PDB file of N, CA and C in Angstrom:
ATOM      1  N   MET A   1       8.712  22.388 -37.429  1.00  0.00           N
ATOM      2  CA  MET A   1       8.266  21.209 -36.597  1.00  0.00           C
ATOM      3  C   MET A   1       8.778  21.592 -35.187  1.00  0.00           C
ATOM      4  N   GLU A   2       7.645  21.391 -34.388  1.00  0.00           N
ATOM      5  CA  GLU A   2       7.769  21.852 -33.070  1.00  0.00           C
ATOM      6  C   GLU A   2       8.376  20.877 -32.334  1.00  0.00           C
ATOM      7  N   GLU A   3       9.672  20.866 -31.332  1.00  0.00           N
ATOM      8  CA  GLU A   3       9.769  20.023 -30.153  1.00  0.00           C
ATOM      9  C   GLU A   3       9.165  19.628 -29.096  1.00  0.00           C
ATOM     10  N   ALA A   4       9.303  18.420 -28.539  1.00  0.00           N
ATOM     11  CA  ALA A   4       8.353  18.243 -27.512  1.00  0.00           C
ATOM     12  C   ALA A   4       9.181  18.518 -26.353  1.00  0.00           C
ATOM     13  N   THR A   5       8.879  19.310 -25.446  1.00  0.00           N
ATOM     14  CA  THR A   5       9.601  19.372 -24.252  1.00  0.00           C
ATOM     15  C   THR A   5       9.184  18.576 -23.057  1.00  0.00           C
ATOM     16  N   VAL A   6      10.329  18.074 -22.223  1.00  0.00           N
ATOM     17  CA  VAL A   6       9.902  17.396 -21.459  1.00  0.00           C
ATOM     18  C   VAL A   6      10.237  18.255 -20.219  1.00  0.00           C
ATOM     19  N   PRO A   7       9.463  18.091 -19.126  1.00  0.00           N
ATOM     20  CA  PRO A   7       9.668  18.987 -18.176  1.00  0.00           C
ATOM     21  C   PRO A   7      10.893  18.343 -17.227  1.00  0.00           C
ATOM     22  N   LYS A   8      11.627  19.202 -16.983  1.00  0.00           N
ATOM     23  CA  LYS A   8      13.140  18.842 -16.082  1.00  0.00           C
ATOM     24  C   LYS A   8      12.352  18.383 -14.521  1.00  0.00           C
ATOM     25  N   ARG A   9      12.490  17.292 -14.149  1.00  0.00           N
ATOM     26  CA  ARG A   9      12.196  16.758 -12.989  1.00  0.00           C
ATOM     27  C   ARG A   9      13.212  17.414 -11.627  1.00  0.00           C
ATOM     28  N   LYS A  10      12.309  17.609 -10.637  1.00  0.00           N
ATOM     29  CA  LYS A  10      13.046  18.539  -9.526  1.00  0.00           C
ATOM     30  C   LYS A  10      13.605  17.442  -8.656  1.00  0.00           C
ATOM     31  N   LEU A  11      14.898  17.489  -8.308  1.00  0.00           N
ATOM     32  CA  LEU A  11      15.639  16.623  -7.147  1.00  0.00           C
ATOM     33  C   LEU A  11      15.014  17.009  -6.107  1.00  0.00           C
ATOM     34  N   LEU A  12      14.436  16.155  -5.394  1.00  0.00           N
ATOM     35  CA  LEU A  12      14.044  16.206  -3.747  1.00  0.00           C
ATOM     36  C   LEU A  12      15.307  16.326  -2.967  1.00  0.00           C
ATOM     37  N   LYS A  13      15.527  17.137  -1.999  1.00  0.00           N
ATOM     38  CA  LYS A  13      16.713  17.302  -1.313  1.00  0.00           C
ATOM     39  C   LYS A  13      16.304  17.598   0.219  1.00  0.00           C
ATOM     40  N   THR A  14      17.091  17.270   1.155  1.00  0.00           N
ATOM     41  CA  THR A  14      16.606  16.932   2.562  1.00  0.00           C
ATOM     42  C   THR A  14      16.163  18.540   2.958  1.00  0.00           C
ATOM     43  N   PRO A  15      15.444  18.846   4.080  1.00  0.00           N
ATOM     44  CA  PRO A  15      15.044  20.310   4.173  1.00  0.00           C
ATOM     45  C   PRO A  15      16.103  21.300   4.838  1.00  0.00           C
ATOM     46  N   LEU A  16      17.136  20.689   6.048  1.00  0.00           N
ATOM     47  CA  LEU A  16      17.879  21.053   6.578  1.00  0.00           C
ATOM     48  C   LEU A  16      19.162  21.579   5.759  1.00  0.00           C
ATOM     49  N   HIS A  17      20.072  20.631   5.460  1.00  0.00           N
ATOM     50  CA  HIS A  17      21.316  20.542   4.729  1.00  0.00           C
ATOM     51  C   HIS A  17      21.252  20.487   2.962  1.00  0.00           C
ATOM     52  N   LYS A  18      20.272  20.182   2.697  1.00  0.00           N
ATOM     53  CA  LYS A  18      19.772  20.201   0.992  1.00  0.00           C
ATOM     54  C   LYS A  18      20.453  19.030   0.614  1.00  0.00           C
ATOM     55  N   ILE A  19      20.463  17.930   1.337  1.00  0.00           N
ATOM     56  CA  ILE A  19      21.044  16.894   0.747  1.00  0.00           C
ATOM     57  C   ILE A  19      20.515  15.957  -0.314  1.00  0.00           C
ATOM     58  N   PRO A  20      20.756  15.878  -1.776  1.00  0.00           N
ATOM     59  CA  PRO A  20      19.983  15.344  -2.716  1.00  0.00           C
ATOM     60  C   PRO A  20      19.697  13.835  -2.094  1.00  0.00           C
ATOM     61  N   ILE A  21      18.330  13.507  -2.415  1.00  0.00           N
ATOM     62  CA  ILE A  21      17.694  12.269  -2.270  1.00  0.00           C
ATOM     63  C   ILE A  21      17.318  11.494  -3.368  1.00  0.00           C
ATOM     64  N   GLY A  22      16.517  12.198  -4.405  1.00  0.00           N
ATOM     65  CA  GLY A  22      15.937  11.450  -5.584  1.00  0.00           C
ATOM     66  C   GLY A  22      15.112  12.228  -6.086  1.00  0.00           C
ATOM     67  N   GLU A  23      14.432  11.560  -6.944  1.00  0.00           N
ATOM     68  CA  GLU A  23      13.118  12.273  -7.991  1.00  0.00           C
ATOM     69  C   GLU A  23      11.725  11.742  -7.400  1.00  0.00           C
ATOM     70  N   ALA A  24      10.912  12.693  -7.374  1.00  0.00           N
ATOM     71  CA  ALA A  24       9.676  12.086  -7.061  1.00  0.00           C
ATOM     72  C   ALA A  24       8.800  11.721  -8.345  1.00  0.00           C
ATOM     73  N   TYR A  25       8.037  10.441  -8.200  1.00  0.00           N
ATOM     74  CA  TYR A  25       7.291   9.937  -9.270  1.00  0.00           C
ATOM     75  C   TYR A  25       5.959   9.462  -8.993  1.00  0.00           C
ATOM     76  N   LYS A  26       5.119   9.284  -9.623  1.00  0.00           N
ATOM     77  CA  LYS A  26       3.828   8.713  -9.554  1.00  0.00           C
ATOM     78  C   LYS A  26       3.790   7.791 -10.710  1.00  0.00           C
ATOM     79  N   SER A  27       3.573   6.537  -9.997  1.00  0.00           N
ATOM     80  CA  SER A  27       3.274   5.213 -11.353  1.00  0.00           C
ATOM     81  C   SER A  27       2.190   5.163 -11.890  1.00  0.00           C
ATOM     82  N   GLY A  28       1.864   4.557 -12.865  1.00  0.00           N
ATOM     83  CA  GLY A  28       0.635   4.515 -13.571  1.00  0.00           C
ATOM     84  C   GLY A  28      -0.450   3.858 -12.827  1.00  0.00           C
ATOM     85  N   ASP A  29      -0.252   3.341 -11.746  1.00  0.00           N
ATOM     86  CA  ASP A  29      -1.364   2.629 -10.811  1.00  0.00           C
ATOM     87  C   ASP A  29      -1.757   3.879  -9.861  1.00  0.00           C
ATOM     88  N   GLY A  30      -0.987   5.086  -9.836  1.00  0.00           N
ATOM     89  CA  GLY A  30      -1.192   5.831  -8.733  1.00  0.00           C
ATOM     90  C   GLY A  30      -0.639   5.881  -7.457  1.00  0.00           C
ATOM     91  N   HIS A  31       0.743   4.877  -7.397  1.00  0.00           N
ATOM     92  CA  HIS A  31       1.551   4.948  -6.379  1.00  0.00           C
ATOM     93  C   HIS A  31       2.667   5.782  -6.306  1.00  0.00           C
ATOM     94  N   TYR A  32       3.198   6.615  -5.037  1.00  0.00           N
ATOM     95  CA  TYR A  32       4.070   7.473  -5.204  1.00  0.00           C
ATOM     96  C   TYR A  32       5.364   6.814  -4.786  1.00  0.00           C
ATOM     97  N   GLY A  33       6.310   7.338  -5.409  1.00  0.00           N
ATOM     98  CA  GLY A  33       7.694   6.931  -4.880  1.00  0.00           C
ATOM     99  C   GLY A  33       8.819   7.655  -5.234  1.00  0.00           C
ATOM    100  N   ILE A  34       9.863   7.284  -4.960  1.00  0.00           N
ATOM    101  CA  ILE A  34      11.040   8.233  -5.024  1.00  0.00           C
ATOM    102  C   ILE A  34      12.012   7.356  -6.190  1.00  0.00           C
ATOM    103  N   ARG A  35      12.483   8.085  -7.514  1.00  0.00           N
ATOM    104  CA  ARG A  35      13.772   7.437  -7.998  1.00  0.00           C
ATOM    105  C   ARG A  35      15.117   7.766  -7.662  1.00  0.00           C
ATOM    106  N   ILE A  36      15.822   6.761  -7.296  1.00  0.00           N
ATOM    107  CA  ILE A  36      17.258   7.102  -6.789  1.00  0.00           C
ATOM    108  C   ILE A  36      18.215   6.556  -7.904  1.00  0.00           C
ATOM    109  N   LYS A  37      19.088   7.397  -8.192  1.00  0.00           N
ATOM    110  CA  LYS A  37      20.132   7.339  -8.967  1.00  0.00           C
ATOM    111  C   LYS A  37      21.619   6.448  -8.268  1.00  0.00           C
ATOM    112  N   LYS A  38      22.080   5.481  -8.699  1.00  0.00           N
ATOM    113  CA  LYS A  38      23.296   5.182  -8.053  1.00  0.00           C
ATOM    114  C   LYS A  38      24.778   6.288  -8.524  1.00  0.00           C
ATOM    115  N   PRO A  39      25.452   6.501  -7.101  1.00  0.00           N
ATOM    116  CA  PRO A  39      26.234   7.315  -7.149  1.00  0.00           C
ATOM    117  C   PRO A  39      27.432   7.030  -8.300  1.00  0.00           C
ATOM    118  N   LYS A  40      27.843   7.839  -8.858  1.00  0.00           N
ATOM    119  CA  LYS A  40      28.973   7.269 -10.197  1.00  0.00           C
ATOM    120  C   LYS A  40      28.703   6.209 -10.981  1.00  0.00           C
ATOM    121  N   GLY A  41      27.212   6.313 -11.375  1.00  0.00           N
ATOM    122  CA  GLY A  41      26.727   5.471 -12.554  1.00  0.00           C
ATOM    123  C   GLY A  41      25.674   5.929 -13.011  1.00  0.00           C
ATOM    124  N   GLN A  42      25.064   5.191 -13.993  1.00  0.00           N
ATOM    125  CA  GLN A  42      23.877   5.667 -14.813  1.00  0.00           C
ATOM    126  C   GLN A  42      22.491   4.606 -14.152  1.00  0.00           C
ATOM    127  N   GLU A  43      22.548   3.943 -13.008  1.00  0.00           N
ATOM    128  CA  GLU A  43      21.729   2.915 -12.973  1.00  0.00           C
ATOM    129  C   GLU A  43      20.705   3.647 -11.839  1.00  0.00           C
ATOM    130  N   TYR A  44      19.361   3.426 -12.067  1.00  0.00           N
ATOM    131  CA  TYR A  44      18.467   4.096 -11.159  1.00  0.00           C
ATOM    132  C   TYR A  44      17.633   3.161 -10.755  1.00  0.00           C
ATOM    133  N   GLU A  45      16.930   3.345  -9.608  1.00  0.00           N
ATOM    134  CA  GLU A  45      16.206   2.337  -9.031  1.00  0.00           C
ATOM    135  C   GLU A  45      14.721   3.213  -8.588  1.00  0.00           C
ATOM    136  N   ASP A  46      13.598   2.747  -8.763  1.00  0.00           N
ATOM    137  CA  ASP A  46      12.258   3.288  -8.273  1.00  0.00           C
ATOM    138  C   ASP A  46      11.954   2.499  -7.066  1.00  0.00           C
ATOM    139  N   LEU A  47      11.481   3.443  -6.105  1.00  0.00           N
ATOM    140  CA  LEU A  47      11.310   2.749  -4.684  1.00  0.00           C
ATOM    141  C   LEU A  47      10.156   3.536  -4.196  1.00  0.00           C
ATOM    142  N   PRO A  48       8.695   2.793  -4.364  1.00  0.00           N
ATOM    143  CA  PRO A  48       7.807   2.988  -3.609  1.00  0.00           C
ATOM    144  C   PRO A  48       8.014   3.583  -2.224  1.00  0.00           C
ATOM    145  N   LEU A  49       7.171   4.651  -2.117  1.00  0.00           N
ATOM    146  CA  LEU A  49       7.026   5.067  -0.727  1.00  0.00           C
ATOM    147  C   LEU A  49       6.480   4.245   0.428  1.00  0.00           C
ATOM    148  N   ASP A  50       5.543   3.365   0.072  1.00  0.00           N
ATOM    149  CA  ASP A  50       5.138   2.350   1.073  1.00  0.00           C
ATOM    150  C   ASP A  50       6.323   1.433   1.127  1.00  0.00           C
ATOM    151  N   ARG A  51       7.068   1.028   0.401  1.00  0.00           N
ATOM    152  CA  ARG A  51       7.917   0.110   0.620  1.00  0.00           C
ATOM    153  C   ARG A  51       9.202   0.563   1.379  1.00  0.00           C
ATOM    154  N   LEU A  52       9.513   2.152   1.111  1.00  0.00           N
ATOM    155  CA  LEU A  52      10.572   2.548   1.751  1.00  0.00           C
ATOM    156  C   LEU A  52      10.297   3.012   3.247  1.00  0.00           C
ATOM    157  N   LEU A  53       9.303   3.312   3.454  1.00  0.00           N
ATOM    158  CA  LEU A  53       8.432   3.396   4.762  1.00  0.00           C
ATOM    159  C   LEU A  53       8.676   2.074   5.946  1.00  0.00           C
ATOM    160  N   SER A  54       8.090   1.134   4.953  1.00  0.00           N
ATOM    161  CA  SER A  54       8.370  -0.302   5.461  1.00  0.00           C
ATOM    162  C   SER A  54       9.835  -0.632   6.024  1.00  0.00           C
ATOM    163  N   MET A  55      10.848  -0.338   5.232  1.00  0.00           N
ATOM    164  CA  MET A  55      12.270  -0.731   5.257  1.00  0.00           C
ATOM    165  C   MET A  55      12.656   0.214   6.432  1.00  0.00           C
ATOM    166  N   VAL A  56      12.285   1.498   6.632  1.00  0.00           N
ATOM    167  CA  VAL A  56      12.800   2.324   7.501  1.00  0.00           C
ATOM    168  C   VAL A  56      12.249   1.823   8.807  1.00  0.00           C
ATOM    169  N   VAL A  57      11.083   1.848   9.045  1.00  0.00           N
ATOM    170  CA  VAL A  57      10.359   1.106  10.184  1.00  0.00           C
ATOM    171  C   VAL A  57      11.160  -0.043  10.695  1.00  0.00           C
ATOM    172  N   SER A  58      10.907  -1.326   9.901  1.00  0.00           N
ATOM    173  CA  SER A  58      11.685  -2.644  10.145  1.00  0.00           C
ATOM    174  C   SER A  58      13.455  -2.151  10.626  1.00  0.00           C
ATOM    175  N   GLU A  59      14.164  -1.639   9.905  1.00  0.00           N
ATOM    176  CA  GLU A  59      15.524  -1.456  10.251  1.00  0.00           C
ATOM    177  C   GLU A  59      15.661  -1.020  11.686  1.00  0.00           C
ATOM    178  N   ALA A  60      14.772   0.466  11.717  1.00  0.00           N
ATOM    179  CA  ALA A  60      14.754   1.199  13.051  1.00  0.00           C
ATOM    180  C   ALA A  60      14.396   0.433  14.225  1.00  0.00           C
ATOM    181  N   ASP A  61      13.303  -0.672  14.166  1.00  0.00           N
ATOM    182  CA  ASP A  61      13.141  -1.622  15.274  1.00  0.00           C
ATOM    183  C   ASP A  61      14.169  -2.506  15.408  1.00  0.00           C
ATOM    184  N   ASN A  62      14.725  -3.267  14.455  1.00  0.00           N
ATOM    185  CA  ASN A  62      15.740  -4.185  14.423  1.00  0.00           C
ATOM    186  C   ASN A  62      16.934  -3.698  14.975  1.00  0.00           C
ATOM    187  N   GLN A  63      17.292  -2.311  14.665  1.00  0.00           N
ATOM    188  CA  GLN A  63      18.545  -1.772  15.323  1.00  0.00           C
ATOM    189  C   GLN A  63      18.616  -1.086  16.518  1.00  0.00           C
ATOM    190  N   TYR A  64      17.604  -0.344  16.681  1.00  0.00           N
ATOM    191  CA  TYR A  64      17.492   0.456  17.890  1.00  0.00           C
ATOM    192  C   TYR A  64      16.669  -0.138  19.026  1.00  0.00           C
ATOM    193  N   GLY A  65      15.529  -1.079  18.583  1.00  0.00           N
ATOM    194  CA  GLY A  65      14.621  -1.457  19.522  1.00  0.00           C
ATOM    195  C   GLY A  65      13.567  -0.413  19.411  1.00  0.00           C
ATOM    196  N   LYS A  66      12.186  -0.952  19.989  1.00  0.00           N
ATOM    197  CA  LYS A  66      11.067  -0.328  19.715  1.00  0.00           C
ATOM    198  C   LYS A  66      10.552   0.848  20.717  1.00  0.00           C
ATOM    199  N   GLU A  67      11.480   0.936  21.798  1.00  0.00           N
ATOM    200  CA  GLU A  67      11.334   1.645  22.878  1.00  0.00           C
ATOM    201  C   GLU A  67      11.964   3.027  22.667  1.00  0.00           C
ATOM    202  N   GLN A  68      12.777   3.447  21.400  1.00  0.00           N
ATOM    203  CA  GLN A  68      13.582   4.763  21.294  1.00  0.00           C
ATOM    204  C   GLN A  68      12.799   5.562  21.376  1.00  0.00           C
ATOM    205  N   ALA A  69      13.046   6.951  21.886  1.00  0.00           N
ATOM    206  CA  ALA A  69      12.204   7.959  22.083  1.00  0.00           C
ATOM    207  C   ALA A  69      12.469   8.708  20.695  1.00  0.00           C
ATOM    208  N   PRO A  70      11.091   9.481  20.547  1.00  0.00           N
ATOM    209  CA  PRO A  70      11.389  10.214  19.163  1.00  0.00           C
ATOM    210  C   PRO A  70      11.935  11.567  19.204  1.00  0.00           C
ATOM    211  N   HIS A  71      12.756  11.944  18.391  1.00  0.00           N
ATOM    212  CA  HIS A  71      13.538  13.326  18.674  1.00  0.00           C
ATOM    213  C   HIS A  71      12.968  14.308  17.183  1.00  0.00           C
ATOM    214  N   SER A  72      13.147  15.537  17.694  1.00  0.00           N
ATOM    215  CA  SER A  72      12.710  16.385  16.257  1.00  0.00           C
ATOM    216  C   SER A  72      13.521  16.170  15.272  1.00  0.00           C
ATOM    217  N   GLU A  73      12.900  16.461  14.123  1.00  0.00           N
ATOM    218  CA  GLU A  73      13.672  16.247  12.817  1.00  0.00           C
ATOM    219  C   GLU A  73      14.783  17.393  12.759  1.00  0.00           C
ATOM    220  N   GLY A  74      15.975  16.955  11.989  1.00  0.00           N
ATOM    221  CA  GLY A  74      16.689  17.663  11.977  1.00  0.00           C
ATOM    222  C   GLY A  74      17.868  18.064  13.078  1.00  0.00           C
ATOM    223  N   ALA A  75      17.372  17.505  14.119  1.00  0.00           N
ATOM    224  CA  ALA A  75      18.365  17.487  15.214  1.00  0.00           C
ATOM    225  C   ALA A  75      19.555  16.446  15.496  1.00  0.00           C
ATOM    226  N   ALA A  76      20.583  16.379  14.453  1.00  0.00           N
ATOM    227  CA  ALA A  76      21.338  15.669  14.439  1.00  0.00           C
ATOM    228  C   ALA A  76      22.450  15.610  15.472  1.00  0.00           C
ATOM    229  N   ALA A  77      23.072  14.835  15.985  1.00  0.00           N
ATOM    230  CA  ALA A  77      24.175  14.813  17.231  1.00  0.00           C
ATOM    231  C   ALA A  77      25.353  15.796  16.613  1.00  0.00           C
ATOM    232  N   GLY A  78      25.937  16.822  17.495  1.00  0.00           N
ATOM    233  CA  GLY A  78      26.534  17.688  17.287  1.00  0.00           C
ATOM    234  C   GLY A  78      26.163  18.915  16.282  1.00  0.00           C
ATOM    235  N   ASN A  79      24.888  18.761  16.018  1.00  0.00           N
ATOM    236  CA  ASN A  79      24.196  20.227  15.613  1.00  0.00           C
ATOM    237  C   ASN A  79      23.359  21.076  16.302  1.00  0.00           C
ATOM    238  N   ASN A  80      24.306  21.871  16.991  1.00  0.00           N
ATOM    239  CA  ASN A  80      23.626  22.659  18.135  1.00  0.00           C
ATOM    240  C   ASN A  80      23.634  24.198  17.669  1.00  0.00           C
ATOM    241  N   ASN A  81      23.187  24.366  16.189  1.00  0.00           N
ATOM    242  CA  ASN A  81      23.065  25.820  15.655  1.00  0.00           C
ATOM    243  C   ASN A  81      21.950  26.703  16.862  1.00  0.00           C
TER     244      ASN A  81
END
């Protein structure tokens, strides 16, 4: 009897420091998202990318104001390599 093999999902990581983020997924209706695991637990949450983008924009606008100057990716404070 053949065993059904399930492909191992690749964990998405940040490009610079390789910080784990979650697993990419595509829902049945064709929307993309990220599956995030709760640290030190077994709970997962599926977060559609459009919702994540909306959350980031909203929080950035509320916290820093809309006139914040953009900066290059990976240029964190104190990171002068």
